[in-house]
Amino acid sequence: MVPRRSKYEIVSEILKMANTREGINVTRIVYSVNLNFKNAQETISELIRCGLLERVEGEGGKLRYRTTRKGLEYVRKYEELESFQHF
């Protein structure tokens, strides 16, 4: 049986994926992070409220999401903590 991912792990995965200049759309998040649409939308909204993710306008005015500096700091600290679990 595969252990469930923690919320922190899911957040880290989303922030790593969205760390591009143009950002990513919600569909890509859903498929890449393996969440359903409702959970992805709720998590994205929470990340925006916390300042870890920002909305950006993509080609043709489409909504995309991009990781902020604060989000990158979260990923760095999360990975640092993860490294201690393997000693």
N, C-alpha and C. Protein backbone atom coordinates (compact mmCIF):
# COMPACT_ATOMS: atom_id res chain seq x y z
N MET A 1 0.83 -1.18 0.00
CA MET A 1 0.00 0.00 0.00
C MET A 1 0.89 1.25 0.00
N VAL A 2 0.57 2.19 -0.84
CA VAL A 2 1.34 3.43 -0.96
C VAL A 2 0.85 4.42 0.10
N PRO A 3 1.77 4.99 0.88
CA PRO A 3 1.35 5.95 1.90
C PRO A 3 0.80 7.22 1.26
N ARG A 4 -0.16 7.83 1.94
CA ARG A 4 -0.75 9.08 1.45
C ARG A 4 0.27 10.21 1.56
N ARG A 5 0.19 11.12 0.63
CA ARG A 5 1.08 12.29 0.68
C ARG A 5 0.53 13.28 1.70
N SER A 6 1.43 13.97 2.34
CA SER A 6 1.01 15.02 3.27
C SER A 6 0.61 16.26 2.47
N LYS A 7 -0.13 17.12 3.13
CA LYS A 7 -0.51 18.39 2.50
C LYS A 7 0.74 19.19 2.14
N TYR A 8 1.77 19.11 3.00
CA TYR A 8 3.01 19.84 2.75
C TYR A 8 3.70 19.34 1.48
N GLU A 9 3.66 18.04 1.27
CA GLU A 9 4.27 17.47 0.07
C GLU A 9 3.51 17.91 -1.18
N ILE A 10 2.19 17.90 -1.12
CA ILE A 10 1.37 18.33 -2.25
C ILE A 10 1.65 19.79 -2.57
N VAL A 11 1.69 20.63 -1.54
CA VAL A 11 1.98 22.06 -1.74
C VAL A 11 3.34 22.23 -2.39
N SER A 12 4.34 21.52 -1.91
CA SER A 12 5.68 21.61 -2.48
C SER A 12 5.68 21.21 -3.96
N GLU A 13 4.96 20.16 -4.30
CA GLU A 13 4.89 19.71 -5.70
C GLU A 13 4.25 20.78 -6.58
N ILE A 14 3.17 21.38 -6.11
CA ILE A 14 2.50 22.44 -6.89
C ILE A 14 3.45 23.62 -7.09
N LEU A 15 4.10 24.05 -6.02
CA LEU A 15 4.99 25.21 -6.11
C LEU A 15 6.17 24.94 -7.03
N LYS A 16 6.71 23.74 -7.01
CA LYS A 16 7.81 23.40 -7.92
C LYS A 16 7.34 23.44 -9.36
N MET A 17 6.15 22.92 -9.62
CA MET A 17 5.62 22.91 -10.99
C MET A 17 5.35 24.32 -11.51
N ALA A 18 4.87 25.18 -10.63
CA ALA A 18 4.48 26.53 -11.05
C ALA A 18 5.66 27.50 -11.08
N ASN A 19 6.85 27.01 -10.84
CA ASN A 19 8.03 27.87 -10.81
C ASN A 19 8.56 28.09 -12.23
N THR A 20 7.74 28.74 -13.04
CA THR A 20 8.12 29.11 -14.41
C THR A 20 7.74 30.56 -14.64
N ARG A 21 8.36 31.18 -15.61
CA ARG A 21 8.07 32.59 -15.88
C ARG A 21 6.61 32.78 -16.29
N GLU A 22 6.09 31.86 -17.11
CA GLU A 22 4.72 32.00 -17.61
C GLU A 22 3.68 31.35 -16.71
N GLY A 23 4.11 30.57 -15.69
CA GLY A 23 3.16 29.90 -14.80
C GLY A 23 2.52 28.69 -15.47
N ILE A 24 1.60 28.04 -14.76
CA ILE A 24 0.91 26.86 -15.29
C ILE A 24 -0.58 27.00 -15.03
N ASN A 25 -1.37 26.26 -15.81
CA ASN A 25 -2.81 26.32 -15.62
C ASN A 25 -3.28 25.25 -14.64
N VAL A 26 -4.51 25.36 -14.20
CA VAL A 26 -5.04 24.45 -13.19
C VAL A 26 -5.12 23.01 -13.72
N THR A 27 -5.38 22.84 -15.00
CA THR A 27 -5.46 21.48 -15.56
C THR A 27 -4.12 20.77 -15.44
N ARG A 28 -3.05 21.47 -15.70
CA ARG A 28 -1.73 20.86 -15.58
C ARG A 28 -1.43 20.49 -14.13
N ILE A 29 -1.85 21.33 -13.21
CA ILE A 29 -1.68 21.02 -11.79
C ILE A 29 -2.45 19.75 -11.43
N VAL A 30 -3.70 19.68 -11.86
CA VAL A 30 -4.56 18.52 -11.56
C VAL A 30 -3.90 17.24 -12.02
N TYR A 31 -3.44 17.21 -13.26
CA TYR A 31 -2.86 15.98 -13.81
C TYR A 31 -1.47 15.67 -13.26
N SER A 32 -0.65 16.68 -13.12
CA SER A 32 0.73 16.45 -12.69
C SER A 32 0.85 16.10 -11.21
N VAL A 33 0.02 16.70 -10.40
CA VAL A 33 0.09 16.48 -8.96
C VAL A 33 -0.91 15.41 -8.52
N ASN A 34 -1.74 14.98 -9.45
CA ASN A 34 -2.71 13.91 -9.21
C ASN A 34 -3.73 14.29 -8.13
N LEU A 35 -4.39 15.43 -8.34
CA LEU A 35 -5.46 15.88 -7.47
C LEU A 35 -6.73 15.99 -8.29
N ASN A 36 -7.88 15.92 -7.63
CA ASN A 36 -9.10 16.22 -8.38
C ASN A 36 -9.23 17.74 -8.49
N PHE A 37 -10.10 18.18 -9.38
CA PHE A 37 -10.21 19.60 -9.67
C PHE A 37 -10.59 20.41 -8.43
N LYS A 38 -11.54 19.91 -7.66
CA LYS A 38 -12.00 20.64 -6.47
C LYS A 38 -10.87 20.82 -5.46
N ASN A 39 -10.14 19.75 -5.17
CA ASN A 39 -9.02 19.85 -4.22
C ASN A 39 -7.92 20.76 -4.75
N ALA A 40 -7.67 20.70 -6.05
CA ALA A 40 -6.65 21.56 -6.65
C ALA A 40 -7.06 23.03 -6.50
N GLN A 41 -8.31 23.34 -6.80
CA GLN A 41 -8.79 24.73 -6.70
C GLN A 41 -8.70 25.23 -5.26
N GLU A 42 -9.09 24.39 -4.29
CA GLU A 42 -9.02 24.80 -2.88
C GLU A 42 -7.57 25.05 -2.45
N THR A 43 -6.68 24.17 -2.87
CA THR A 43 -5.27 24.31 -2.50
C THR A 43 -4.67 25.55 -3.15
N ILE A 44 -4.97 25.77 -4.42
CA ILE A 44 -4.48 26.96 -5.14
C ILE A 44 -4.96 28.23 -4.44
N SER A 45 -6.23 28.28 -4.08
CA SER A 45 -6.77 29.47 -3.40
C SER A 45 -6.05 29.72 -2.08
N GLU A 46 -5.79 28.65 -1.34
CA GLU A 46 -5.08 28.78 -0.06
C GLU A 46 -3.65 29.28 -0.29
N LEU A 47 -2.98 28.76 -1.32
CA LEU A 47 -1.61 29.19 -1.62
C LEU A 47 -1.56 30.65 -2.03
N ILE A 48 -2.57 31.11 -2.75
CA ILE A 48 -2.64 32.52 -3.14
C ILE A 48 -2.85 33.39 -1.89
N ARG A 49 -3.77 32.97 -1.02
CA ARG A 49 -4.02 33.73 0.23
C ARG A 49 -2.76 33.85 1.09
N CYS A 50 -1.94 32.80 1.07
CA CYS A 50 -0.71 32.79 1.88
C CYS A 50 0.46 33.49 1.18
N GLY A 51 0.27 33.90 -0.06
CA GLY A 51 1.33 34.59 -0.79
C GLY A 51 2.38 33.67 -1.38
N LEU A 52 2.07 32.37 -1.49
CA LEU A 52 3.03 31.41 -2.05
C LEU A 52 2.87 31.25 -3.56
N LEU A 53 1.70 31.60 -4.06
CA LEU A 53 1.37 31.46 -5.48
C LEU A 53 0.68 32.74 -5.92
N GLU A 54 0.85 33.13 -7.18
CA GLU A 54 0.16 34.31 -7.70
C GLU A 54 -0.53 33.98 -9.01
N ARG A 55 -1.61 34.71 -9.28
CA ARG A 55 -2.32 34.57 -10.55
C ARG A 55 -1.61 35.44 -11.58
N VAL A 56 -1.46 34.90 -12.79
CA VAL A 56 -0.91 35.68 -13.90
C VAL A 56 -1.77 35.42 -15.12
N GLU A 57 -1.78 36.40 -16.01
CA GLU A 57 -2.55 36.25 -17.24
C GLU A 57 -1.64 35.66 -18.31
N GLY A 58 -2.05 34.53 -18.86
CA GLY A 58 -1.28 33.87 -19.90
C GLY A 58 -1.73 34.30 -21.28
N GLU A 59 -1.29 33.55 -22.29
CA GLU A 59 -1.68 33.81 -23.67
C GLU A 59 -3.19 33.81 -23.81
N GLY A 60 -3.70 34.76 -24.56
CA GLY A 60 -5.13 34.83 -24.80
C GLY A 60 -5.94 35.16 -23.55
N GLY A 61 -5.29 35.71 -22.54
CA GLY A 61 -5.99 36.09 -21.32
C GLY A 61 -6.31 34.93 -20.40
N LYS A 62 -5.73 33.76 -20.66
CA LYS A 62 -6.01 32.58 -19.83
C LYS A 62 -5.32 32.71 -18.47
N LEU A 63 -6.01 32.24 -17.44
CA LEU A 63 -5.51 32.32 -16.07
C LEU A 63 -4.47 31.25 -15.82
N ARG A 64 -3.34 31.68 -15.26
CA ARG A 64 -2.25 30.76 -14.92
C ARG A 64 -1.76 31.10 -13.52
N TYR A 65 -0.96 30.22 -12.96
CA TYR A 65 -0.45 30.40 -11.60
C TYR A 65 1.06 30.27 -11.59
N ARG A 66 1.70 31.13 -10.80
CA ARG A 66 3.17 31.15 -10.75
C ARG A 66 3.62 31.24 -9.29
N THR A 67 4.70 30.57 -8.99
CA THR A 67 5.27 30.56 -7.64
C THR A 67 5.92 31.91 -7.34
N THR A 68 5.69 32.41 -6.14
CA THR A 68 6.30 33.67 -5.69
C THR A 68 7.63 33.38 -5.01
N ARG A 69 8.35 34.43 -4.66
CA ARG A 69 9.61 34.25 -3.91
C ARG A 69 9.34 33.54 -2.57
N LYS A 70 8.26 33.93 -1.94
CA LYS A 70 7.88 33.29 -0.67
C LYS A 70 7.60 31.80 -0.90
N GLY A 71 6.98 31.46 -2.03
CA GLY A 71 6.73 30.07 -2.37
C GLY A 71 8.02 29.29 -2.58
N LEU A 72 8.99 29.91 -3.23
CA LEU A 72 10.28 29.27 -3.45
C LEU A 72 11.00 29.02 -2.12
N GLU A 73 10.84 29.95 -1.19
CA GLU A 73 11.43 29.78 0.14
C GLU A 73 10.76 28.60 0.86
N TYR A 74 9.45 28.45 0.69
CA TYR A 74 8.73 27.31 1.27
C TYR A 74 9.32 26.00 0.73
N VAL A 75 9.50 25.92 -0.59
CA VAL A 75 10.03 24.70 -1.21
C VAL A 75 11.43 24.40 -0.66
N ARG A 76 12.26 25.42 -0.56
CA ARG A 76 13.62 25.22 -0.06
C ARG A 76 13.60 24.67 1.37
N LYS A 77 12.78 25.26 2.21
CA LYS A 77 12.71 24.81 3.61
C LYS A 77 12.09 23.42 3.71
N TYR A 78 11.08 23.16 2.89
CA TYR A 78 10.45 21.83 2.90
C TYR A 78 11.48 20.76 2.52
N GLU A 79 12.24 21.00 1.47
CA GLU A 79 13.25 20.04 1.03
C GLU A 79 14.34 19.85 2.08
N GLU A 80 14.68 20.93 2.76
CA GLU A 80 15.67 20.84 3.83
C GLU A 80 15.16 19.95 4.96
N LEU A 81 13.92 20.14 5.36
CA LEU A 81 13.33 19.29 6.40
C LEU A 81 13.20 17.84 5.95
N GLU A 82 12.83 17.63 4.69
CA GLU A 82 12.71 16.28 4.15
C GLU A 82 14.03 15.53 4.22
N SER A 83 15.13 16.24 4.05
CA SER A 83 16.44 15.58 4.06
C SER A 83 16.76 15.00 5.44
N PHE A 84 16.17 15.53 6.49
CA PHE A 84 16.41 15.01 7.84
C PHE A 84 15.65 13.71 8.10
N GLN A 85 14.64 13.42 7.32
CA GLN A 85 13.86 12.19 7.53
C GLN A 85 14.61 10.96 7.06
N HIS A 86 15.70 11.14 6.34
CA HIS A 86 16.40 10.01 5.74
C HIS A 86 17.74 9.71 6.41
N PHE A 87 17.92 10.14 7.65
CA PHE A 87 19.20 9.87 8.31
C PHE A 87 19.15 8.59 9.11
